[in-house]
Amino acid sequence: MKKIIISMAAASLVATSAMAADKGIDFTTTGQVVVYYQTADTAGDDLFDQSKASANIGIQLDNVADLKNGFTLGTQLTYLGTAGLEKNLVSGTMQNVGGVVSMNDSTDEVALTKIYLAKKVANTTVKIGRQELPKSLSPLAFSEGWNVFKNTYEAALLVNTDLPNTVIVGAYVGQSNKHSDLGTFTNLTVTTTAGSLAVNKEAYMLTVQNSSLPMTTVTASYYALKDITAADSADAVWLDAKVAGKSLPMGLKAGLQVGSIMPEASITSDTNVVGVKAGVNPMAGLTVCGAFSYVSGEKDSTKHIAAVKNTGTGVKTPLYTQMIGNQDAIALDAKTVMLKGAYSLNKDSQIIAQGSYTQAGARNLNGNGNDNTDLELLYTTKVSGMNLLAGYLNVKNDNDDVANHIVRVVARYNF
């Protein structure tokens, strides 16, 4: 029955597009096609063994209709399948829609991942419905781009640009889908050392971004997370200041981030964050960057502590030291240093080498004193209009006997 409902939704969107064209409404369709493969040799297993590999074939269609008088209707259909790769290559998927299901008995392959109505009046835009939230303006509830497709939110968003060099964003956020299941929308969650806490009601966000100072962009965000434990709430603040300009030596770029998550309940404790980064271009085609982040812990082992993770999915962090595979290590009770070098081979190809080391405290998500090292080598290029990525990760915790090796290959065609 669920499959029939999804099919009816897709047919309805096609019919709506046809009627919109007949009535003279401007209708734009864009999208992407993705092939995504990843394998890992956790616990010392064979790296390319079928039992350790996951893959998806994905197609996404974005439709935007201009309804006139400043109204816009947006929809997004997402298909996630395997094209039979489970027969001899992989045994799992990176993403699903409608629940995490067996690859050999998938009952859902299509989801309506966006549907929103937007209205623009002068310098103010209001968007209501299922939509993406960008990390640059919503650092603790954002759409993550590391998986096959981005997650989305059930939200009401207001963006105003009346003030010079200033963007003001207000948001009401009710639910989100998770990175592994784009078809099911659930409560936002706060990751803690003793398991996640659901934001049982809603979240309110206010962000102000200002670029009045020369070469500087300052972004300040406030969140009110309602009913996370014992009907109590949590307040969170985040400040990010970035400096960049052509007149700075060697193309210097620098950043500072400061934040705090402050639950009201007595069984929880505040989490405080400080991060810095700096990058330069010492020679043509080469960029070198370094970053440091500190996330506080708590000596009282009976208390929950909120990790600095995306409340929409609980996977990635907004920290400068975030790489592909180190999010659990850096998100709580951690001191992390990160170095990154990127070299452009030509206008379409780049090699990236990056590494991080995390000194873990007693309440680190990986365990007491379980320090982490993450070394990553990435290659990106563009061939026949397709964006290609090949990545290798070497991730090791101190408590592990051997390192975990991960290989990721992604081909993405945007149209």
Protein backbone atom coordinates (compact mmCIF):
# COMPACT_ATOMS: atom_id res chain seq x y z
CA MET A 1 0.00 0.00 0.00
CA LYS A 2 2.82 2.39 0.81
CA LYS A 3 4.31 1.84 -2.62
CA ILE A 4 0.99 2.73 -4.25
CA ILE A 5 0.74 5.93 -2.20
CA ILE A 6 4.22 7.00 -3.22
CA SER A 7 3.42 6.27 -6.86
CA MET A 8 0.26 8.36 -6.61
CA ALA A 9 2.26 11.23 -5.13
CA ALA A 10 4.72 11.08 -8.03
CA ALA A 11 1.88 10.96 -10.57
CA SER A 12 0.22 13.92 -8.87
CA LEU A 13 3.39 15.99 -9.20
CA VAL A 14 3.68 15.15 -12.89
CA ALA A 15 0.06 16.10 -13.45
CA THR A 16 0.55 19.34 -11.52
CA SER A 17 3.54 20.17 -13.74
CA ALA A 18 1.49 19.62 -16.88
CA MET A 19 -1.38 21.78 -15.64
CA ALA A 20 1.05 24.50 -14.56
CA ALA A 21 2.54 24.57 -18.07
CA ASP A 22 -0.95 24.81 -19.61
CA LYS A 23 -1.76 27.83 -17.42
CA GLY A 24 1.42 29.64 -18.32
CA ILE A 25 3.18 29.13 -14.98
CA ASP A 26 6.96 29.01 -15.24
CA PHE A 27 8.12 25.56 -14.15
CA THR A 28 11.81 24.67 -13.76
CA THR A 29 13.16 21.14 -13.28
CA THR A 30 16.70 20.38 -12.15
CA GLY A 31 18.25 17.41 -10.39
CA GLN A 32 21.07 14.95 -10.05
CA VAL A 33 22.01 11.33 -10.63
CA VAL A 34 24.38 9.66 -8.16
CA VAL A 35 26.28 6.38 -7.93
CA TYR A 36 27.69 5.95 -4.41
CA TYR A 37 29.93 3.11 -3.13
CA GLN A 38 31.69 2.64 0.19
CA THR A 39 33.53 -0.24 1.82
CA ALA A 40 35.27 -0.62 5.20
CA ASP A 41 37.49 -3.30 6.76
CA THR A 42 36.39 -2.81 10.37
CA ALA A 43 37.85 -5.37 12.78
CA GLY A 44 40.51 -6.30 10.24
CA ASP A 45 38.21 -7.88 7.64
CA ASP A 46 38.84 -7.87 3.89
CA LEU A 47 38.44 -4.27 2.67
CA PHE A 48 36.45 -5.11 -0.47
CA ASP A 49 34.49 -8.04 0.93
CA GLN A 50 30.83 -7.93 -0.14
CA SER A 51 29.66 -8.11 3.48
CA LYS A 52 31.46 -4.83 4.30
CA ALA A 53 30.37 -2.77 1.29
CA SER A 54 27.36 -0.49 0.71
CA ALA A 55 26.07 1.27 -2.38
CA ASN A 56 23.22 3.29 -3.87
CA ILE A 57 22.00 4.42 -7.26
CA GLY A 58 20.05 7.64 -6.71
CA ILE A 59 18.01 10.07 -8.80
CA GLN A 60 16.65 13.36 -7.50
CA LEU A 61 14.27 15.74 -9.30
CA ASP A 62 13.75 19.30 -8.06
CA ASN A 63 10.73 21.19 -9.40
CA VAL A 64 10.12 24.91 -8.79
CA ALA A 65 6.94 26.60 -9.99
CA ASP A 66 6.56 30.38 -10.14
CA LEU A 67 2.95 30.91 -9.00
CA LYS A 68 3.11 34.68 -9.63
CA ASN A 69 2.63 37.50 -7.11
CA GLY A 70 5.81 36.45 -5.27
CA PHE A 71 4.65 32.87 -4.54
CA THR A 72 6.84 29.84 -5.32
CA LEU A 73 6.04 26.15 -4.97
CA GLY A 74 8.96 23.75 -4.63
CA THR A 75 8.99 19.95 -4.63
CA GLN A 76 11.66 17.27 -4.67
CA LEU A 77 11.28 13.59 -5.54
CA THR A 78 14.06 11.24 -4.46
CA TYR A 79 14.65 7.71 -5.75
CA LEU A 80 17.16 5.47 -3.96
CA GLY A 81 17.86 1.97 -5.21
CA THR A 82 20.71 -0.47 -5.79
CA ALA A 83 20.41 -1.48 -9.47
CA GLY A 84 21.11 -5.05 -8.36
CA LEU A 85 24.57 -4.31 -6.93
CA GLU A 86 23.73 -6.50 -3.93
CA LYS A 87 23.92 -9.58 -6.17
CA ASN A 88 27.69 -9.71 -6.10
CA LEU A 89 29.23 -6.40 -4.95
CA VAL A 90 27.63 -5.01 -1.77
CA SER A 91 25.36 -6.06 1.09
CA GLY A 92 23.98 -2.75 2.37
CA THR A 93 22.87 0.73 1.38
CA MET A 94 24.14 4.16 2.41
CA GLN A 95 20.63 5.65 2.37
CA ASN A 96 17.03 4.44 2.11
CA VAL A 97 13.56 5.93 1.96
CA GLY A 98 10.68 4.61 4.06
CA GLY A 99 12.81 2.78 6.59
CA VAL A 100 16.04 0.78 6.69
CA VAL A 101 15.00 -2.29 4.73
CA SER A 102 16.56 -5.43 3.30
CA MET A 103 18.19 -4.83 -0.07
CA ASN A 104 16.49 -7.96 -1.37
CA ASP A 105 13.04 -6.90 -0.14
CA SER A 106 12.88 -3.15 -0.57
CA THR A 107 9.27 -1.94 -0.29
CA ASP A 108 10.01 1.76 -0.75
CA GLU A 109 12.34 3.42 -3.22
CA VAL A 110 10.77 6.87 -3.77
CA ALA A 111 10.10 9.70 -1.28
CA LEU A 112 8.83 13.25 -1.40
CA THR A 113 11.83 14.88 0.30
CA LYS A 114 10.82 18.51 -0.32
CA ILE A 115 7.50 20.29 -0.62
CA TYR A 116 7.29 23.93 0.37
CA LEU A 117 5.51 27.20 -0.41
CA ALA A 118 7.55 30.40 -0.44
CA LYS A 119 6.39 34.02 -0.55
CA LYS A 120 8.63 37.04 -1.18
CA VAL A 121 7.57 40.54 -0.09
CA ALA A 122 10.15 43.31 -0.63
CA ASN A 123 13.29 42.11 1.21
CA THR A 124 11.56 39.36 3.19
CA THR A 125 11.04 35.74 2.13
CA VAL A 126 8.92 33.23 4.05
CA LYS A 127 9.24 29.51 3.26
CA ILE A 128 6.94 26.94 4.88
CA GLY A 129 7.18 23.18 4.46
CA ARG A 130 9.76 20.46 3.85
CA GLN A 131 13.08 22.11 2.98
CA GLU A 132 16.87 22.20 3.40
CA LEU A 133 18.54 24.28 6.13
CA PRO A 134 22.09 25.51 5.33
CA LYS A 135 24.86 25.06 7.91
CA SER A 136 26.11 28.63 7.31
CA LEU A 137 22.87 29.99 8.82
CA SER A 138 21.71 27.06 10.99
CA PRO A 139 24.82 25.47 12.55
CA LEU A 140 23.03 23.08 14.94
CA ALA A 141 20.24 21.90 12.60
CA PHE A 142 21.53 21.70 9.04
CA SER A 143 21.24 19.62 5.88
CA GLU A 144 24.30 17.37 5.57
CA GLY A 145 25.86 16.80 2.16
CA TRP A 146 28.20 13.87 2.82
CA ASN A 147 25.76 11.07 1.97
CA VAL A 148 24.00 10.27 -1.31
CA PHE A 149 21.48 13.11 -0.85
CA LYS A 150 20.95 15.83 1.78
CA ASN A 151 18.46 15.48 4.62
CA THR A 152 15.59 17.96 4.90
CA TYR A 153 13.41 19.52 7.63
CA GLU A 154 9.78 20.27 8.34
CA ALA A 155 10.16 23.97 9.07
CA ALA A 156 8.96 27.53 8.68
CA LEU A 157 11.72 29.91 7.66
CA LEU A 158 11.85 33.71 7.44
CA VAL A 159 14.76 35.54 5.80
CA ASN A 160 15.07 39.35 5.87
CA THR A 161 17.73 41.59 4.30
CA ASP A 162 16.38 45.09 5.11
CA LEU A 163 19.41 46.08 7.18
CA PRO A 164 22.60 46.92 5.24
CA ASN A 165 25.06 44.00 4.95
CA THR A 166 22.83 41.95 7.26
CA VAL A 167 20.82 38.76 6.89
CA ILE A 168 18.30 37.93 9.63
CA VAL A 169 16.90 34.39 9.71
CA GLY A 170 14.15 33.10 11.97
CA ALA A 171 13.04 29.47 11.94
CA TYR A 172 10.54 27.13 13.53
CA VAL A 173 11.78 23.54 13.12
CA GLY A 174 9.49 20.63 13.89
CA GLN A 175 11.02 17.44 12.44
CA SER A 176 13.75 16.13 10.18
CA ASN A 177 14.57 12.99 8.24
CA LYS A 178 17.78 11.23 9.13
CA HIS A 179 20.81 10.76 6.91
CA SER A 180 20.13 7.02 6.57
CA ASP A 181 16.38 7.26 5.94
CA LEU A 182 15.12 10.18 3.85
CA GLY A 183 11.50 9.04 3.86
CA THR A 184 10.77 9.11 7.60
CA PHE A 185 10.53 12.37 9.54
CA THR A 186 11.11 12.28 13.31
CA ASN A 187 11.96 14.59 16.22
CA LEU A 188 15.22 16.45 16.36
CA THR A 189 17.69 14.74 18.70
CA VAL A 190 20.46 15.86 21.03
CA THR A 191 23.34 13.37 21.18
CA THR A 192 24.67 12.72 24.70
CA THR A 193 27.10 10.38 26.43
CA ALA A 194 24.19 8.30 27.75
CA GLY A 195 22.24 8.06 24.50
CA SER A 196 20.32 10.65 22.52
CA LEU A 197 17.55 12.86 23.92
CA ALA A 198 14.61 13.73 21.67
CA VAL A 199 13.51 17.32 21.19
CA ASN A 200 9.92 16.23 21.81
CA LYS A 201 8.27 19.47 20.79
CA GLU A 202 9.99 21.98 18.52
CA ALA A 203 13.06 24.14 18.04
CA TYR A 204 13.20 27.89 17.47
CA MET A 205 16.19 29.54 15.84
CA LEU A 206 17.28 33.13 15.31
CA THR A 207 20.41 33.88 13.26
CA VAL A 208 21.95 37.25 12.40
CA GLN A 209 24.75 37.37 9.82
CA ASN A 210 26.59 40.66 9.27
CA SER A 211 29.42 41.62 6.89
CA SER A 212 29.80 45.33 7.74
CA LEU A 213 33.36 44.98 9.01
CA PRO A 214 36.02 44.91 6.27
CA MET A 215 36.84 41.37 5.11
CA THR A 216 34.79 39.94 8.01
CA THR A 217 31.57 37.93 8.24
CA VAL A 218 30.07 37.39 11.69
CA THR A 219 27.24 34.90 12.24
CA ALA A 220 25.44 34.62 15.59
CA SER A 221 22.74 31.97 16.23
CA TYR A 222 20.41 31.22 19.13
CA TYR A 223 18.35 28.03 19.55
CA ALA A 224 15.56 27.14 21.95
CA LEU A 225 15.12 23.35 22.00
CA LYS A 226 11.79 22.49 23.66
CA ASP A 227 11.12 19.51 25.94
CA ILE A 228 14.28 17.42 25.68
CA THR A 229 14.08 15.73 29.09
CA ALA A 230 11.61 15.86 31.97
CA ALA A 231 9.70 18.54 29.99
CA ASP A 232 12.74 20.82 30.29
CA SER A 233 14.32 22.73 27.43
CA ALA A 234 17.81 23.67 26.31
CA ASP A 235 19.23 26.92 25.03
CA ALA A 236 22.14 26.97 22.60
CA VAL A 237 24.24 29.84 21.26
CA TRP A 238 26.78 29.79 18.44
CA LEU A 239 29.09 32.53 17.15
CA ASP A 240 31.20 32.19 14.02
CA ALA A 241 33.53 34.95 12.74
CA LYS A 242 35.43 34.55 9.45
CA VAL A 243 38.05 36.87 7.96
CA ALA A 244 39.12 36.71 4.31
CA GLY A 245 40.27 39.23 1.74
CA LYS A 246 42.42 39.65 -1.35
CA SER A 247 44.62 42.20 0.43
CA LEU A 248 45.66 39.76 3.16
CA PRO A 249 49.09 38.11 2.78
CA MET A 250 49.15 34.80 0.89
CA GLY A 251 45.36 34.79 0.69
CA LEU A 252 45.04 34.39 4.46
CA LYS A 253 41.67 33.15 5.73
CA ALA A 254 40.92 32.83 9.44
CA GLY A 255 37.99 31.85 11.62
CA LEU A 256 36.83 31.78 15.23
CA GLN A 257 33.85 29.86 16.61
CA VAL A 258 32.44 29.90 20.14
CA GLY A 259 29.36 28.08 21.33
CA SER A 260 27.46 26.66 24.28
CA ILE A 261 24.59 24.17 24.74
CA MET A 262 22.81 24.81 28.05
CA PRO A 263 20.11 22.30 29.12
CA GLU A 264 17.82 23.33 31.99
CA ALA A 265 17.47 19.91 33.65
CA SER A 266 19.61 19.09 36.67
CA ILE A 267 20.56 15.72 35.16
CA THR A 268 22.43 17.49 32.36
CA SER A 269 25.47 19.73 32.16
CA ASP A 270 26.48 22.59 29.84
CA THR A 271 28.75 21.98 26.87
CA ASN A 272 31.13 24.77 25.83
CA VAL A 273 33.03 25.07 22.54
CA VAL A 274 35.97 27.06 21.18
CA GLY A 275 37.44 26.64 17.70
CA VAL A 276 39.99 28.46 15.53
CA LYS A 277 41.28 27.97 12.00
CA ALA A 278 43.69 29.63 9.56
CA GLY A 279 44.56 28.94 5.93
CA VAL A 280 46.98 30.35 3.34
CA ASN A 281 47.92 29.89 -0.33
CA PRO A 282 51.74 29.61 -0.21
CA MET A 283 51.99 28.89 -3.94
CA ALA A 284 49.78 28.70 -7.01
CA GLY A 285 47.26 25.87 -6.71
CA LEU A 286 48.14 24.98 -3.11
CA THR A 287 46.04 25.72 -0.03
CA VAL A 288 47.18 24.83 3.49
CA CYS A 289 44.86 25.02 6.49
CA GLY A 290 45.13 24.30 10.20
CA ALA A 291 42.38 24.16 12.83
CA PHE A 292 41.88 23.49 16.54
CA SER A 293 38.71 22.76 18.50
CA TYR A 294 37.96 22.29 22.20
CA VAL A 295 34.70 20.82 23.46
CA SER A 296 34.20 20.64 27.22
CA GLY A 297 33.37 17.57 29.29
CA GLU A 298 32.01 16.82 32.76
CA LYS A 299 33.57 15.07 35.77
CA ASP A 300 30.20 13.91 37.14
CA SER A 301 29.60 10.66 35.25
CA THR A 302 25.91 10.58 36.26
CA LYS A 303 25.04 13.61 34.14
CA HIS A 304 24.08 13.76 30.48
CA ILE A 305 26.24 16.05 28.35
CA ALA A 306 25.13 17.32 24.96
CA ALA A 307 27.56 16.60 22.15
CA VAL A 308 28.13 19.29 19.51
CA LYS A 309 26.31 17.45 16.74
CA ASN A 310 23.65 18.24 14.19
CA THR A 311 20.31 17.85 15.99
CA GLY A 312 18.67 16.92 12.68
CA THR A 313 20.68 13.74 12.10
CA GLY A 314 23.14 13.33 14.95
CA VAL A 315 26.04 12.61 12.58
CA LYS A 316 28.22 15.61 11.67
CA THR A 317 29.37 18.63 13.69
CA PRO A 318 29.76 22.31 12.72
CA LEU A 319 33.33 22.31 14.08
CA TYR A 320 36.25 23.53 11.95
CA THR A 321 38.02 20.22 12.68
CA GLN A 322 35.23 18.12 11.10
CA MET A 323 36.53 15.77 8.40
CA ILE A 324 34.89 12.69 6.86
CA GLY A 325 35.32 10.17 9.66
CA ASN A 326 36.13 11.90 12.97
CA GLN A 327 32.76 13.28 14.18
CA ASP A 328 32.35 11.01 17.21
CA ALA A 329 35.88 11.76 18.37
CA ILE A 330 35.65 15.56 18.21
CA ALA A 331 32.04 16.18 19.34
CA LEU A 332 32.43 16.00 23.16
CA ASP A 333 35.14 16.22 25.83
CA ALA A 334 37.83 16.56 23.18
CA LYS A 335 40.82 18.61 22.09
CA THR A 336 41.43 18.25 18.35
CA VAL A 337 44.03 19.54 15.91
CA MET A 338 43.54 19.26 12.15
CA LEU A 339 45.84 19.92 9.19
CA LYS A 340 44.73 20.01 5.57
CA GLY A 341 46.47 20.53 2.25
CA ALA A 342 44.70 20.86 -1.11
CA TYR A 343 46.49 21.01 -4.46
CA SER A 344 44.74 21.79 -7.75
CA LEU A 345 46.07 19.73 -10.64
CA ASN A 346 43.97 21.76 -13.08
CA LYS A 347 40.68 23.68 -13.04
CA ASP A 348 38.68 20.44 -12.61
CA SER A 349 40.94 18.19 -10.49
CA GLN A 350 42.20 18.42 -6.92
CA ILE A 351 44.09 16.26 -4.43
CA ILE A 352 43.32 16.75 -0.72
CA ALA A 353 45.34 15.32 2.16
CA GLN A 354 44.06 15.94 5.68
CA GLY A 355 44.55 14.54 9.13
CA SER A 356 43.32 15.09 12.67
CA TYR A 357 44.37 14.00 16.14
CA THR A 358 41.95 14.09 19.08
CA GLN A 359 42.88 13.89 22.74
CA ALA A 360 39.81 12.33 24.34
CA GLY A 361 38.58 13.08 27.86
CA ALA A 362 36.57 10.88 30.20
CA ARG A 363 33.20 11.71 28.57
CA ASN A 364 34.30 11.46 24.94
CA LEU A 365 31.78 9.64 22.72
CA ASN A 366 34.45 7.04 21.85
CA GLY A 367 35.10 6.32 25.54
CA ASN A 368 37.31 7.49 28.39
CA GLY A 369 40.74 8.54 27.08
CA ASN A 370 40.20 6.81 23.73
CA ASP A 371 42.30 9.16 21.57
CA ASN A 372 41.62 9.20 17.83
CA THR A 373 43.73 9.62 14.69
CA ASP A 374 42.07 10.17 11.31
CA LEU A 375 44.12 10.34 8.08
CA GLU A 376 42.30 11.00 4.78
CA LEU A 377 43.33 11.22 1.13
CA LEU A 378 40.81 12.51 -1.43
CA TYR A 379 40.83 13.03 -5.19
CA THR A 380 38.14 15.03 -6.97
CA THR A 381 37.76 15.62 -10.69
CA LYS A 382 35.18 16.30 -13.41
CA VAL A 383 34.74 13.98 -16.40
CA SER A 384 32.05 14.33 -19.09
CA GLY A 385 30.12 16.69 -16.85
CA MET A 386 30.22 14.29 -13.88
CA ASN A 387 31.77 15.21 -10.53
CA LEU A 388 33.87 12.29 -9.29
CA LEU A 389 35.27 11.69 -5.81
CA ALA A 390 37.57 8.93 -4.62
CA GLY A 391 38.54 8.84 -0.96
CA TYR A 392 40.62 6.69 1.39
CA LEU A 393 40.38 6.95 5.20
CA ASN A 394 42.64 5.46 7.88
CA VAL A 395 40.89 5.85 11.25
CA LYS A 396 42.26 4.51 14.53
CA ASN A 397 41.25 4.82 18.17
CA ASP A 398 43.82 4.08 20.86
CA ASN A 399 41.73 1.18 22.13
CA ASP A 400 41.63 -0.48 18.69
CA ASP A 401 44.14 -3.19 17.86
CA VAL A 402 44.24 -2.14 14.20
CA ALA A 403 43.14 0.87 12.17
CA ASN A 404 39.88 0.93 10.22
CA HIS A 405 40.26 1.52 6.48
CA ILE A 406 37.45 3.07 4.44
CA VAL A 407 37.19 3.57 0.68
CA ARG A 408 34.48 5.82 -0.81
CA VAL A 409 33.78 6.42 -4.52
CA VAL A 410 31.05 8.80 -5.70
CA ALA A 411 29.96 9.86 -9.20
CA ARG A 412 27.46 12.75 -9.28
CA TYR A 413 25.87 14.30 -12.39
CA ASN A 414 23.92 17.54 -11.93
CA PHE A 415 21.44 18.69 -14.55
